[in-house]
């Protein structure tokens, strides 16, 4: 489905925006997997699970607290993720380290 795939692009666009404002230019990529099934409460098919794997590389790694703040803003400001009824399970890898 196109909607789950857009969460990767949206999350990374949001992260890049905030990173650029802080003077960083990260390279990033990602993937998403999800489960679509019929919900019990309304018998409609819907995305009921979403795992978002994001890989970010900074040429000069900011302090870890700054990176965590950028990750938080990347998730918060992604309108696709915020619009889903299911909360995405984000997994961030930054310069090879799991910061999920």
PDB file of N, CA and C in Angstrom:
ATOM      1  N   UNK A   1       0.837  -1.187   0.000  1.00  0.00           N
ATOM      2  CA  UNK A   1       0.000   0.000   0.000  1.00  0.00           C
ATOM      3  C   UNK A   1       0.876   1.243   0.000  1.00  0.00           C
ATOM      4  N   UNK A   2       0.428   2.277  -0.653  1.00  0.00           N
ATOM      5  CA  UNK A   2       1.199   3.514  -0.755  1.00  0.00           C
ATOM      6  C   UNK A   2       1.259   4.256   0.577  1.00  0.00           C
ATOM      7  N   UNK A   3       0.201   4.183   1.371  1.00  0.00           N
ATOM      8  CA  UNK A   3       0.181   4.936   2.630  1.00  0.00           C
ATOM      9  C   UNK A   3       1.309   4.507   3.560  1.00  0.00           C
ATOM     10  N   UNK A   4       1.479   3.208   3.857  1.00  0.00           N
ATOM     11  CA  UNK A   4       2.600   2.849   4.734  1.00  0.00           C
ATOM     12  C   UNK A   4       3.950   3.266   4.170  1.00  0.00           C
ATOM     13  N   UNK A   5       4.133   3.160   2.856  1.00  0.00           N
ATOM     14  CA  UNK A   5       5.416   3.538   2.270  1.00  0.00           C
ATOM     15  C   UNK A   5       5.686   5.025   2.429  1.00  0.00           C
ATOM     16  N   UNK A   6       4.650   5.837   2.418  1.00  0.00           N
ATOM     17  CA  UNK A   6       4.861   7.277   2.559  1.00  0.00           C
ATOM     18  C   UNK A   6       5.337   7.664   3.955  1.00  0.00           C
ATOM     19  N   UNK A   7       5.120   6.812   4.919  1.00  0.00           N
ATOM     20  CA  UNK A   7       5.584   7.143   6.278  1.00  0.00           C
ATOM     21  C   UNK A   7       7.108   7.219   6.330  1.00  0.00           C
ATOM     22  N   UNK A   8       7.788   6.417   5.533  1.00  0.00           N
ATOM     23  CA  UNK A   8       9.254   6.467   5.490  1.00  0.00           C
ATOM     24  C   UNK A   8       9.695   7.815   4.943  1.00  0.00           C
ATOM     25  N   UNK A   9       9.156   8.183   3.801  1.00  0.00           N
ATOM     26  CA  UNK A   9       9.534   9.445   3.164  1.00  0.00           C
ATOM     27  C   UNK A   9       9.183  10.635   4.071  1.00  0.00           C
ATOM     28  N   UNK A  10       8.008  10.592   4.663  1.00  0.00           N
ATOM     29  CA  UNK A  10       7.554  11.680   5.530  1.00  0.00           C
ATOM     30  C   UNK A  10       8.436  11.809   6.781  1.00  0.00           C
ATOM     31  N   UNK A  11       8.738  10.700   7.432  1.00  0.00           N
ATOM     32  CA  UNK A  11       9.577  10.727   8.642  1.00  0.00           C
ATOM     33  C   UNK A  11      10.969  11.250   8.329  1.00  0.00           C
ATOM     34  N   UNK A  12      11.532  10.797   7.201  1.00  0.00           N
ATOM     35  CA  UNK A  12      12.880  11.228   6.844  1.00  0.00           C
ATOM     36  C   UNK A  12      12.901  12.681   6.386  1.00  0.00           C
ATOM     37  N   UNK A  13      11.855  13.123   5.700  1.00  0.00           N
ATOM     38  CA  UNK A  13      11.769  14.535   5.308  1.00  0.00           C
ATOM     39  C   UNK A  13      11.703  15.412   6.543  1.00  0.00           C
ATOM     40  N   UNK A  14      10.924  14.998   7.520  1.00  0.00           N
ATOM     41  CA  UNK A  14      10.807  15.738   8.767  1.00  0.00           C
ATOM     42  C   UNK A  14      12.149  15.777   9.505  1.00  0.00           C
ATOM     43  N   UNK A  15      12.806  14.629   9.608  1.00  0.00           N
ATOM     44  CA  UNK A  15      14.107  14.577  10.270  1.00  0.00           C
ATOM     45  C   UNK A  15      15.111  15.472   9.549  1.00  0.00           C
ATOM     46  N   UNK A  16      15.167  15.377   8.215  1.00  0.00           N
ATOM     47  CA  UNK A  16      16.120  16.193   7.456  1.00  0.00           C
ATOM     48  C   UNK A  16      15.854  17.685   7.662  1.00  0.00           C
ATOM     49  N   UNK A  17      14.594  18.067   7.674  1.00  0.00           N
ATOM     50  CA  UNK A  17      14.244  19.474   7.887  1.00  0.00           C
ATOM     51  C   UNK A  17      14.847  19.974   9.201  1.00  0.00           C
ATOM     52  N   UNK A  18      14.604  19.250  10.266  1.00  0.00           N
ATOM     53  CA  UNK A  18      15.106  19.671  11.575  1.00  0.00           C
ATOM     54  C   UNK A  18      16.631  19.571  11.644  1.00  0.00           C
ATOM     55  N   UNK A  19      17.201  18.559  11.011  1.00  0.00           N
ATOM     56  CA  UNK A  19      18.664  18.416  11.000  1.00  0.00           C
ATOM     57  C   UNK A  19      19.311  19.583  10.260  1.00  0.00           C
ATOM     58  N   UNK A  20      18.737  19.962   9.115  1.00  0.00           N
ATOM     59  CA  UNK A  20      19.293  21.090   8.350  1.00  0.00           C
ATOM     60  C   UNK A  20      19.210  22.381   9.143  1.00  0.00           C
ATOM     61  N   UNK A  21      18.112  22.557   9.862  1.00  0.00           N
ATOM     62  CA  UNK A  21      17.975  23.762  10.693  1.00  0.00           C
ATOM     63  C   UNK A  21      19.064  23.795  11.767  1.00  0.00           C
ATOM     64  N   UNK A  22      19.547  22.618  12.178  1.00  0.00           N
ATOM     65  CA  UNK A  22      20.600  22.525  13.189  1.00  0.00           C
ATOM     66  C   UNK A  22      21.992  22.468  12.554  1.00  0.00           C
ATOM     67  N   UNK A  23      22.064  22.610  11.212  1.00  0.00           N
ATOM     68  CA  UNK A  23      23.354  22.650  10.533  1.00  0.00           C
ATOM     69  C   UNK A  23      23.898  21.311  10.089  1.00  0.00           C
ATOM     70  N   UNK A  24      23.039  20.295   9.985  1.00  0.00           N
ATOM     71  CA  UNK A  24      23.484  18.957   9.578  1.00  0.00           C
ATOM     72  C   UNK A  24      22.809  18.553   8.268  1.00  0.00           C
ATOM     73  N   UNK A  25      23.486  17.712   7.513  1.00  0.00           N
ATOM     74  CA  UNK A  25      22.942  17.215   6.254  1.00  0.00           C
ATOM     75  C   UNK A  25      23.059  15.687   6.241  1.00  0.00           C
ATOM     76  N   UNK A  26      22.110  14.986   6.877  1.00  0.00           N
ATOM     77  CA  UNK A  26      22.203  13.529   6.954  1.00  0.00           C
ATOM     78  C   UNK A  26      21.783  12.837   5.657  1.00  0.00           C
ATOM     79  N   UNK A  27      22.368  11.684   5.426  1.00  0.00           N
ATOM     80  CA  UNK A  27      21.904  10.776   4.369  1.00  0.00           C
ATOM     81  C   UNK A  27      20.978   9.786   5.068  1.00  0.00           C
ATOM     82  N   UNK A  28      19.900   9.406   4.413  1.00  0.00           N
ATOM     83  CA  UNK A  28      18.943   8.539   5.098  1.00  0.00           C
ATOM     84  C   UNK A  28      18.173   7.673   4.118  1.00  0.00           C
ATOM     85  N   UNK A  29      17.747   6.528   4.628  1.00  0.00           N
ATOM     86  CA  UNK A  29      16.901   5.616   3.863  1.00  0.00           C
ATOM     87  C   UNK A  29      16.043   4.853   4.861  1.00  0.00           C
ATOM     88  N   UNK A  30      15.078   4.120   4.350  1.00  0.00           N
ATOM     89  CA  UNK A  30      14.232   3.376   5.269  1.00  0.00           C
ATOM     90  C   UNK A  30      13.317   2.405   4.564  1.00  0.00           C
ATOM     91  N   UNK A  31      12.606   1.650   5.373  1.00  0.00           N
ATOM     92  CA  UNK A  31      11.628   0.692   4.861  1.00  0.00           C
ATOM     93  C   UNK A  31      10.521   0.558   5.895  1.00  0.00           C
ATOM     94  N   UNK A  32       9.401   0.023   5.451  1.00  0.00           N
ATOM     95  CA  UNK A  32       8.261  -0.173   6.344  1.00  0.00           C
ATOM     96  C   UNK A  32       7.648  -1.532   6.051  1.00  0.00           C
ATOM     97  N   UNK A  33       7.177  -2.162   7.092  1.00  0.00           N
ATOM     98  CA  UNK A  33       6.401  -3.391   6.926  1.00  0.00           C
ATOM     99  C   UNK A  33       5.180  -3.251   7.820  1.00  0.00           C
ATOM    100  N   UNK A  34       4.117  -3.893   7.422  1.00  0.00           N
ATOM    101  CA  UNK A  34       2.898  -3.744   8.201  1.00  0.00           C
ATOM    102  C   UNK A  34       1.973  -4.923   8.044  1.00  0.00           C
ATOM    103  N   UNK A  35       0.948  -4.912   8.864  1.00  0.00           N
ATOM    104  CA  UNK A  35      -0.076  -5.944   8.827  1.00  0.00           C
ATOM    105  C   UNK A  35      -1.416  -5.261   8.576  1.00  0.00           C
ATOM    106  N   UNK A  36      -2.093  -5.745   7.542  1.00  0.00           N
ATOM    107  CA  UNK A  36      -3.441  -5.271   7.244  1.00  0.00           C
ATOM    108  C   UNK A  36      -4.379  -6.442   7.475  1.00  0.00           C
ATOM    109  N   UNK A  37      -5.418  -6.193   8.234  1.00  0.00           N
ATOM    110  CA  UNK A  37      -6.398  -7.241   8.528  1.00  0.00           C
ATOM    111  C   UNK A  37      -7.735  -6.584   8.841  1.00  0.00           C
ATOM    112  N   UNK A  38      -8.726  -7.395   8.990  1.00  0.00           N
ATOM    113  CA  UNK A  38     -10.058  -6.890   9.335  1.00  0.00           C
ATOM    114  C   UNK A  38     -10.092  -6.615  10.842  1.00  0.00           C
ATOM    115  N   UNK A  39     -10.434  -5.380  11.198  1.00  0.00           N
ATOM    116  CA  UNK A  39     -10.526  -5.008  12.607  1.00  0.00           C
ATOM    117  C   UNK A  39     -11.797  -5.606  13.209  1.00  0.00           C
ATOM    118  N   UNK A  40     -11.693  -6.058  14.452  1.00  0.00           N
ATOM    119  CA  UNK A  40     -12.852  -6.634  15.140  1.00  0.00           C
ATOM    120  C   UNK A  40     -13.934  -5.597  15.400  1.00  0.00           C
ATOM    121  N   UNK A  41     -13.518  -4.380  15.772  1.00  0.00           N
ATOM    122  CA  UNK A  41     -14.500  -3.388  16.200  1.00  0.00           C
ATOM    123  C   UNK A  41     -15.420  -2.887  15.091  1.00  0.00           C
ATOM    124  N   UNK A  42     -14.953  -2.891  13.830  1.00  0.00           N
ATOM    125  CA  UNK A  42     -15.826  -2.383  12.774  1.00  0.00           C
ATOM    126  C   UNK A  42     -15.833  -3.242  11.504  1.00  0.00           C
ATOM    127  N   UNK A  43     -15.130  -4.378  11.556  1.00  0.00           N
ATOM    128  CA  UNK A  43     -15.091  -5.318  10.427  1.00  0.00           C
ATOM    129  C   UNK A  43     -14.505  -4.717   9.149  1.00  0.00           C
ATOM    130  N   UNK A  44     -13.760  -3.627   9.274  1.00  0.00           N
ATOM    131  CA  UNK A  44     -13.125  -2.997   8.111  1.00  0.00           C
ATOM    132  C   UNK A  44     -11.668  -3.408   8.063  1.00  0.00           C
ATOM    133  N   UNK A  45     -11.153  -3.532   6.835  1.00  0.00           N
ATOM    134  CA  UNK A  45      -9.740  -3.811   6.680  1.00  0.00           C
ATOM    135  C   UNK A  45      -8.952  -2.539   6.987  1.00  0.00           C
ATOM    136  N   UNK A  46      -7.867  -2.713   7.729  1.00  0.00           N
ATOM    137  CA  UNK A  46      -7.063  -1.559   8.125  1.00  0.00           C
ATOM    138  C   UNK A  46      -5.648  -1.998   8.475  1.00  0.00           C
ATOM    139  N   UNK A  47      -4.760  -1.031   8.460  1.00  0.00           N
ATOM    140  CA  UNK A  47      -3.399  -1.251   8.926  1.00  0.00           C
ATOM    141  C   UNK A  47      -3.455  -1.370  10.442  1.00  0.00           C
ATOM    142  N   UNK A  48      -3.050  -2.513  10.979  1.00  0.00           N
ATOM    143  CA  UNK A  48      -3.128  -2.731  12.429  1.00  0.00           C
ATOM    144  C   UNK A  48      -1.744  -2.798  13.079  1.00  0.00           C
ATOM    145  N   UNK A  49      -0.705  -2.928  12.274  1.00  0.00           N
ATOM    146  CA  UNK A  49       0.679  -2.901  12.762  1.00  0.00           C
ATOM    147  C   UNK A  49       1.537  -2.244  11.694  1.00  0.00           C
ATOM    148  N   UNK A  50       2.496  -1.438  12.131  1.00  0.00           N
ATOM    149  CA  UNK A  50       3.430  -0.809  11.204  1.00  0.00           C
ATOM    150  C   UNK A  50       4.796  -0.703  11.871  1.00  0.00           C
ATOM    151  N   UNK A  51       5.803  -1.283  11.244  1.00  0.00           N
ATOM    152  CA  UNK A  51       7.180  -1.166  11.721  1.00  0.00           C
ATOM    153  C   UNK A  51       7.938  -0.341  10.692  1.00  0.00           C
ATOM    154  N   UNK A  52       8.577   0.712  11.171  1.00  0.00           N
ATOM    155  CA  UNK A  52       9.303   1.625  10.301  1.00  0.00           C
ATOM    156  C   UNK A  52      10.780   1.559  10.680  1.00  0.00           C
ATOM    157  N   UNK A  53      11.606   1.105   9.743  1.00  0.00           N
ATOM    158  CA  UNK A  53      13.054   1.015   9.959  1.00  0.00           C
ATOM    159  C   UNK A  53      13.718   2.151   9.195  1.00  0.00           C
ATOM    160  N   UNK A  54      14.448   2.988   9.922  1.00  0.00           N
ATOM    161  CA  UNK A  54      15.080   4.163   9.329  1.00  0.00           C
ATOM    162  C   UNK A  54      16.569   4.148   9.630  1.00  0.00           C
ATOM    163  N   UNK A  55      17.357   4.395   8.593  1.00  0.00           N
ATOM    164  CA  UNK A  55      18.817   4.373   8.707  1.00  0.00           C
ATOM    165  C   UNK A  55      19.337   5.761   8.331  1.00  0.00           C
ATOM    166  N   UNK A  56      20.003   6.404   9.264  1.00  0.00           N
ATOM    167  CA  UNK A  56      20.475   7.772   9.070  1.00  0.00           C
ATOM    168  C   UNK A  56      21.986   7.811   9.285  1.00  0.00           C
ATOM    169  N   UNK A  57      22.673   8.564   8.422  1.00  0.00           N
ATOM    170  CA  UNK A  57      24.126   8.711   8.554  1.00  0.00           C
ATOM    171  C   UNK A  57      24.464  10.202   8.520  1.00  0.00           C
ATOM    172  N   UNK A  58      25.141  10.648   9.562  1.00  0.00           N
ATOM    173  CA  UNK A  58      25.658  12.010   9.636  1.00  0.00           C
ATOM    174  C   UNK A  58      27.153  11.958   9.351  1.00  0.00           C
ATOM    175  N   UNK A  59      27.662  12.897   8.527  1.00  0.00           N
ATOM    176  CA  UNK A  59      29.115  12.975   8.314  1.00  0.00           C
ATOM    177  C   UNK A  59      29.809  13.270   9.633  1.00  0.00           C
ATOM    178  N   UNK A  60      29.273  14.227  10.359  1.00  0.00           N
ATOM    179  CA  UNK A  60      29.778  14.552  11.696  1.00  0.00           C
ATOM    180  C   UNK A  60      28.631  14.296  12.656  1.00  0.00           C
ATOM    181  N   UNK A  61      28.749  13.260  13.444  1.00  0.00           N
ATOM    182  CA  UNK A  61      27.670  12.850  14.341  1.00  0.00           C
ATOM    183  C   UNK A  61      27.475  13.879  15.450  1.00  0.00           C
ATOM    184  N   UNK A  62      26.258  14.442  15.545  1.00  0.00           N
ATOM    185  CA  UNK A  62      25.966  15.359  16.650  1.00  0.00           C
ATOM    186  C   UNK A  62      25.951  14.588  17.974  1.00  0.00           C
ATOM    187  N   UNK A  63      25.971  15.296  19.096  1.00  0.00           N
ATOM    188  CA  UNK A  63      25.853  14.618  20.396  1.00  0.00           C
ATOM    189  C   UNK A  63      24.563  13.774  20.433  1.00  0.00           C
ATOM    190  N   UNK A  64      24.603  12.669  21.149  1.00  0.00           N
ATOM    191  CA  UNK A  64      23.489  11.718  21.141  1.00  0.00           C
ATOM    192  C   UNK A  64      22.178  12.360  21.587  1.00  0.00           C
ATOM    193  N   UNK A  65      22.220  13.281  22.539  1.00  0.00           N
ATOM    194  CA  UNK A  65      20.989  13.953  22.970  1.00  0.00           C
ATOM    195  C   UNK A  65      20.390  14.779  21.834  1.00  0.00           C
ATOM    196  N   UNK A  66      21.245  15.397  21.021  1.00  0.00           N
ATOM    197  CA  UNK A  66      20.767  16.160  19.863  1.00  0.00           C
ATOM    198  C   UNK A  66      20.160  15.226  18.827  1.00  0.00           C
ATOM    199  N   UNK A  67      20.789  14.085  18.618  1.00  0.00           N
ATOM    200  CA  UNK A  67      20.264  13.103  17.659  1.00  0.00           C
ATOM    201  C   UNK A  67      18.905  12.592  18.131  1.00  0.00           C
ATOM    202  N   UNK A  68      18.791  12.281  19.394  1.00  0.00           N
ATOM    203  CA  UNK A  68      17.503  11.807  19.934  1.00  0.00           C
ATOM    204  C   UNK A  68      16.415  12.877  19.778  1.00  0.00           C
ATOM    205  N   UNK A  69      16.771  14.136  19.959  1.00  0.00           N
ATOM    206  CA  UNK A  69      15.805  15.223  19.766  1.00  0.00           C
ATOM    207  C   UNK A  69      15.384  15.315  18.303  1.00  0.00           C
ATOM    208  N   UNK A  70      16.315  15.119  17.390  1.00  0.00           N
ATOM    209  CA  UNK A  70      15.984  15.136  15.965  1.00  0.00           C
ATOM    210  C   UNK A  70      15.075  13.964  15.599  1.00  0.00           C
ATOM    211  N   UNK A  71      15.352  12.798  16.169  1.00  0.00           N
ATOM    212  CA  UNK A  71      14.506  11.621  15.937  1.00  0.00           C
ATOM    213  C   UNK A  71      13.088  11.889  16.437  1.00  0.00           C
ATOM    214  N   UNK A  72      12.991  12.450  17.627  1.00  0.00           N
ATOM    215  CA  UNK A  72      11.680  12.749  18.195  1.00  0.00           C
ATOM    216  C   UNK A  72      10.901  13.719  17.298  1.00  0.00           C
ATOM    217  N   UNK A  73      11.578  14.730  16.789  1.00  0.00           N
ATOM    218  CA  UNK A  73      10.930  15.689  15.898  1.00  0.00           C
ATOM    219  C   UNK A  73      10.568  15.039  14.568  1.00  0.00           C
ATOM    220  N   UNK A  74      11.415  14.131  14.095  1.00  0.00           N
ATOM    221  CA  UNK A  74      11.121  13.420  12.849  1.00  0.00           C
ATOM    222  C   UNK A  74       9.849  12.609  12.952  1.00  0.00           C
ATOM    223  N   UNK A  75       9.654  11.951  14.079  1.00  0.00           N
ATOM    224  CA  UNK A  75       8.433  11.174  14.299  1.00  0.00           C
ATOM    225  C   UNK A  75       7.235  12.094  14.535  1.00  0.00           C
ATOM    226  N   UNK A  76       7.407  13.083  15.377  1.00  0.00           N
ATOM    227  CA  UNK A  76       6.312  13.975  15.754  1.00  0.00           C
ATOM    228  C   UNK A  76       5.757  14.749  14.571  1.00  0.00           C
ATOM    229  N   UNK A  77       6.632  15.234  13.709  1.00  0.00           N
ATOM    230  CA  UNK A  77       6.213  16.127  12.637  1.00  0.00           C
ATOM    231  C   UNK A  77       5.879  15.418  11.331  1.00  0.00           C
ATOM    232  N   UNK A  78       5.880  14.106  11.335  1.00  0.00           N
ATOM    233  CA  UNK A  78       5.451  13.354  10.153  1.00  0.00           C
ATOM    234  C   UNK A  78       3.924  13.243  10.201  1.00  0.00           C
ATOM    235  N   UNK A  79       3.249  13.952   9.305  1.00  0.00           N
ATOM    236  CA  UNK A  79       1.783  13.951   9.332  1.00  0.00           C
ATOM    237  C   UNK A  79       1.203  12.592   8.980  1.00  0.00           C
ATOM    238  N   UNK A  80       1.921  11.788   8.213  1.00  0.00           N
ATOM    239  CA  UNK A  80       1.416  10.455   7.868  1.00  0.00           C
ATOM    240  C   UNK A  80       1.365   9.591   9.119  1.00  0.00           C
ATOM    241  N   UNK A  81       2.459   9.530   9.858  1.00  0.00           N
ATOM    242  CA  UNK A  81       2.484   8.747  11.095  1.00  0.00           C
ATOM    243  C   UNK A  81       1.488   9.244  12.112  1.00  0.00           C
ATOM    244  N   UNK A  82       1.349  10.575  12.207  1.00  0.00           N
ATOM    245  CA  UNK A  82       0.408  11.151  13.160  1.00  0.00           C
ATOM    246  C   UNK A  82      -1.038  10.901  12.763  1.00  0.00           C
ATOM    247  N   UNK A  83      -1.281  10.616  11.486  1.00  0.00           N
ATOM    248  CA  UNK A  83      -2.641  10.405  10.986  1.00  0.00           C
ATOM    249  C   UNK A  83      -3.117   8.962  11.123  1.00  0.00           C
ATOM    250  N   UNK A  84      -2.196   8.035  11.339  1.00  0.00           N
ATOM    251  CA  UNK A  84      -2.577   6.626  11.425  1.00  0.00           C
ATOM    252  C   UNK A  84      -3.295   6.337  12.738  1.00  0.00           C
ATOM    253  N   UNK A  85      -4.232   5.409  12.702  1.00  0.00           N
ATOM    254  CA  UNK A  85      -4.893   5.009  13.945  1.00  0.00           C
ATOM    255  C   UNK A  85      -4.009   4.066  14.753  1.00  0.00           C
ATOM    256  N   UNK A  86      -3.078   3.404  14.101  1.00  0.00           N
ATOM    257  CA  UNK A  86      -2.113   2.546  14.784  1.00  0.00           C
ATOM    258  C   UNK A  86      -0.830   3.365  14.988  1.00  0.00           C
ATOM    259  N   UNK A  87      -0.196   3.241  16.130  1.00  0.00           N
ATOM    260  CA  UNK A  87       1.062   3.939  16.384  1.00  0.00           C
ATOM    261  C   UNK A  87       2.195   3.159  15.735  1.00  0.00           C
ATOM    262  N   UNK A  88       2.924   3.783  14.811  1.00  0.00           N
ATOM    263  CA  UNK A  88       4.042   3.090  14.168  1.00  0.00           C
ATOM    264  C   UNK A  88       5.124   2.716  15.178  1.00  0.00           C
ATOM    265  N   UNK A  89       5.747   1.584  14.952  1.00  0.00           N
ATOM    266  CA  UNK A  89       6.868   1.112  15.762  1.00  0.00           C
ATOM    267  C   UNK A  89       8.144   1.533  15.031  1.00  0.00           C
ATOM    268  N   UNK A  90       8.722   2.663  15.445  1.00  0.00           N
ATOM    269  CA  UNK A  90       9.901   3.215  14.780  1.00  0.00           C
ATOM    270  C   UNK A  90      11.175   2.551  15.294  1.00  0.00           C
ATOM    271  N   UNK A  91      12.076   2.269  14.363  1.00  0.00           N
ATOM    272  CA  UNK A  91      13.405   1.742  14.684  1.00  0.00           C
ATOM    273  C   UNK A  91      14.423   2.584  13.927  1.00  0.00           C
ATOM    274  N   UNK A  92      15.200   3.354  14.666  1.00  0.00           N
ATOM    275  CA  UNK A  92      16.184   4.267  14.092  1.00  0.00           C
ATOM    276  C   UNK A  92      17.588   3.712  14.285  1.00  0.00           C
ATOM    277  N   UNK A  93      18.343   3.666  13.210  1.00  0.00           N
ATOM    278  CA  UNK A  93      19.767   3.329  13.262  1.00  0.00           C
ATOM    279  C   UNK A  93      20.501   4.583  12.784  1.00  0.00           C
ATOM    280  N   UNK A  94      21.380   5.097  13.629  1.00  0.00           N
ATOM    281  CA  UNK A  94      22.121   6.320  13.305  1.00  0.00           C
ATOM    282  C   UNK A  94      23.594   6.012  13.355  1.00  0.00           C
ATOM    283  N   UNK A  95      24.250   6.196  12.207  1.00  0.00           N
ATOM    284  CA  UNK A  95      25.685   5.894  12.071  1.00  0.00           C
ATOM    285  C   UNK A  95      25.999   4.505  12.618  1.00  0.00           C
ATOM    286  N   UNK A  96      25.116   3.547  12.306  1.00  0.00           N
ATOM    287  CA  UNK A  96      25.344   2.159  12.655  1.00  0.00           C
ATOM    288  C   UNK A  96      24.878   1.758  14.048  1.00  0.00           C
ATOM    289  N   UNK A  97      24.401   2.718  14.852  1.00  0.00           N
ATOM    290  CA  UNK A  97      23.971   2.411  16.223  1.00  0.00           C
ATOM    291  C   UNK A  97      22.446   2.456  16.324  1.00  0.00           C
ATOM    292  N   UNK A  98      21.873   1.442  16.967  1.00  0.00           N
ATOM    293  CA  UNK A  98      20.434   1.391  17.160  1.00  0.00           C
ATOM    294  C   UNK A  98      20.035   2.394  18.236  1.00  0.00           C
ATOM    295  N   UNK A  99      19.222   3.373  17.842  1.00  0.00           N
ATOM    296  CA  UNK A  99      18.745   4.384  18.790  1.00  0.00           C
ATOM    297  C   UNK A  99      17.231   4.301  18.964  1.00  0.00           C
ATOM    298  N   UNK A 100      16.675   3.132  18.769  1.00  0.00           N
ATOM    299  CA  UNK A 100      15.224   2.956  18.885  1.00  0.00           C
ATOM    300  C   UNK A 100      14.753   3.171  20.295  1.00  0.00           C
TER     301      UNK A 100
END
